[in-house]
Amino acid sequence: MRTDDRERESPPPEPPAPPWRKTWEALALPPAAPAPPGFAARVVARALAEEGPALGLPLSPGWARAAAALALAAGIAGGAGLGLAAERPAAEEATLEWSSSTLAEEYLEEAGTLVEGASSAAAEEER
């Protein structure tokens, strides 16, 4: 092997570390301290002592339960009505209409129409 072949095979030298790297690595947080002994038992004991009535639908007022049932029924009826009312073409009739223009072109065409309408309205006001 020639010397230039060896130079090609050896990996390139790594660039020097940036000057801020040492400062960045010094910002690492210290390891977290463990919980004191008996902490979990104290938390459970306090939670059991402060336990109040369970919250939920059975303990809610009657009007709230009625409103929830009404909202559920309305949602089901509305969804079923929309599903049944939608006209679904047969598979052979279903076609996709692809636009050859892009969204940007459509926007510019619409913007041009608006500008033309505004300029014609301004011209009529000047008369």
Protein backbone atom coordinates (compact mmCIF):
# COMPACT_ATOMS: atom_id res chain seq x y z
CA MET A 1 0.00 0.00 0.00
CA ARG A 2 1.09 3.46 -0.71
CA THR A 3 1.07 6.18 1.92
CA ASP A 4 -1.76 8.13 0.28
CA ASP A 5 -3.94 4.97 0.44
CA ARG A 6 -3.35 4.72 4.20
CA GLU A 7 -4.32 8.34 4.62
CA ARG A 8 -7.60 7.70 2.81
CA GLU A 9 -8.45 4.69 4.99
CA SER A 10 -7.81 6.36 8.35
CA PRO A 11 -10.77 8.26 9.81
CA PRO A 12 -10.56 12.02 9.72
CA PRO A 13 -9.52 13.66 12.98
CA GLU A 14 -12.40 14.82 15.19
CA PRO A 15 -12.85 18.57 15.42
CA PRO A 16 -12.00 20.14 18.76
CA ALA A 17 -14.84 20.53 21.26
CA PRO A 18 -16.49 23.94 21.17
CA PRO A 19 -15.51 26.24 24.05
CA TRP A 20 -19.03 26.27 25.49
CA ARG A 21 -19.23 22.45 25.78
CA LYS A 22 -17.54 22.33 29.21
CA THR A 23 -19.91 24.98 30.59
CA TRP A 24 -22.94 23.20 29.15
CA GLU A 25 -21.97 19.88 30.71
CA ALA A 26 -21.42 21.60 34.06
CA LEU A 27 -25.12 22.57 34.06
CA ALA A 28 -26.22 18.95 34.61
CA LEU A 29 -28.53 18.48 37.57
CA PRO A 30 -27.32 16.55 40.57
CA PRO A 31 -28.97 13.17 41.20
CA ALA A 32 -32.35 13.38 42.90
CA ALA A 33 -32.47 12.66 46.61
CA PRO A 34 -34.50 9.62 47.64
CA ALA A 35 -37.76 10.04 49.53
CA PRO A 36 -37.40 9.95 53.32
CA PRO A 37 -38.20 6.64 55.02
CA GLY A 38 -41.92 6.16 55.67
CA PHE A 39 -42.98 8.89 53.24
CA ALA A 40 -45.26 6.66 51.17
CA ALA A 41 -46.97 5.28 54.29
CA ARG A 42 -47.64 8.82 55.56
CA VAL A 43 -49.13 9.85 52.22
CA VAL A 44 -51.46 6.84 52.16
CA ALA A 45 -52.51 7.41 55.79
CA ARG A 46 -53.30 11.06 55.09
CA ALA A 47 -55.27 10.20 51.94
CA LEU A 48 -57.35 7.66 53.85
CA ALA A 49 -58.00 10.14 56.67
CA GLU A 50 -59.16 12.87 54.26
CA GLU A 51 -61.28 10.59 52.11
CA GLY A 52 -64.62 12.22 51.49
CA PRO A 53 -67.66 11.10 49.57
CA ALA A 54 -66.95 9.71 46.13
CA LEU A 55 -67.87 12.01 43.28
CA GLY A 56 -69.75 10.71 40.33
CA LEU A 57 -73.05 10.56 38.52
CA PRO A 58 -75.00 8.72 41.26
CA LEU A 59 -74.33 11.50 43.80
CA SER A 60 -74.98 14.38 41.44
CA PRO A 61 -78.27 16.34 41.60
CA GLY A 62 -81.22 15.10 39.60
CA TRP A 63 -81.15 17.97 37.14
CA ALA A 64 -77.50 17.18 36.28
CA ARG A 65 -78.32 13.54 35.61
CA ALA A 66 -81.29 14.57 33.45
CA ALA A 67 -79.14 17.04 31.50
CA ALA A 68 -76.48 14.37 30.94
CA ALA A 69 -79.06 11.86 29.72
CA LEU A 70 -80.61 14.48 27.43
CA ALA A 71 -77.22 15.42 25.97
CA LEU A 72 -76.41 11.75 25.37
CA ALA A 73 -79.75 11.14 23.66
CA ALA A 74 -79.41 14.28 21.55
CA GLY A 75 -75.90 13.27 20.47
CA ILE A 76 -77.00 9.81 19.47
CA ALA A 77 -80.06 11.10 17.60
CA GLY A 78 -78.09 13.81 15.86
CA GLY A 79 -75.33 11.43 14.80
CA ALA A 80 -77.80 8.85 13.55
CA GLY A 81 -79.76 11.53 11.68
CA LEU A 82 -76.68 12.87 9.97
CA GLY A 83 -75.55 9.37 9.08
CA LEU A 84 -78.88 8.46 7.54
CA ALA A 85 -79.39 11.79 5.81
CA ALA A 86 -76.08 11.72 3.99
CA GLU A 87 -76.45 10.71 0.39
CA ARG A 88 -73.91 8.07 -0.43
CA PRO A 89 -73.44 7.43 -4.15
CA ALA A 90 -72.92 3.88 -5.30
CA ALA A 91 -69.34 2.76 -5.73
CA GLU A 92 -69.53 2.88 -9.52
CA GLU A 93 -71.00 6.40 -9.42
CA ALA A 94 -68.52 7.75 -6.93
CA THR A 95 -65.86 9.79 -8.66
CA LEU A 96 -63.23 12.08 -7.31
CA GLU A 97 -62.92 15.47 -8.89
CA TRP A 98 -59.32 16.50 -8.88
CA SER A 99 -58.46 20.10 -9.40
CA SER A 100 -55.54 20.80 -11.67
CA SER A 101 -54.82 24.08 -9.90
CA THR A 102 -52.99 24.36 -6.63
CA LEU A 103 -54.36 25.89 -3.48
CA ALA A 104 -52.15 28.94 -4.02
CA GLU A 105 -53.54 29.44 -7.52
CA GLU A 106 -57.09 29.16 -6.24
CA TYR A 107 -56.33 31.71 -3.52
CA LEU A 108 -54.81 34.15 -5.99
CA GLU A 109 -57.78 33.78 -8.32
CA GLU A 110 -60.19 34.47 -5.45
CA ALA A 111 -58.08 37.41 -4.25
CA GLY A 112 -58.06 38.82 -7.78
CA THR A 113 -61.85 38.54 -7.94
CA LEU A 114 -62.15 40.39 -4.65
CA VAL A 115 -59.78 43.13 -5.79
CA GLU A 116 -61.63 43.53 -9.08
CA GLY A 117 -64.95 43.76 -7.22
CA ALA A 118 -63.56 46.35 -4.82
CA SER A 119 -62.07 48.45 -7.61
CA SER A 120 -65.31 48.40 -9.61
CA ALA A 121 -67.27 49.42 -6.49
CA ALA A 122 -64.83 52.27 -5.90
CA ALA A 123 -65.15 53.38 -9.52
CA GLU A 124 -68.95 53.46 -9.22
CA GLU A 125 -68.72 55.58 -6.07
CA GLU A 126 -66.54 58.12 -7.83
CA ARG A 127 -69.12 58.62 -10.58
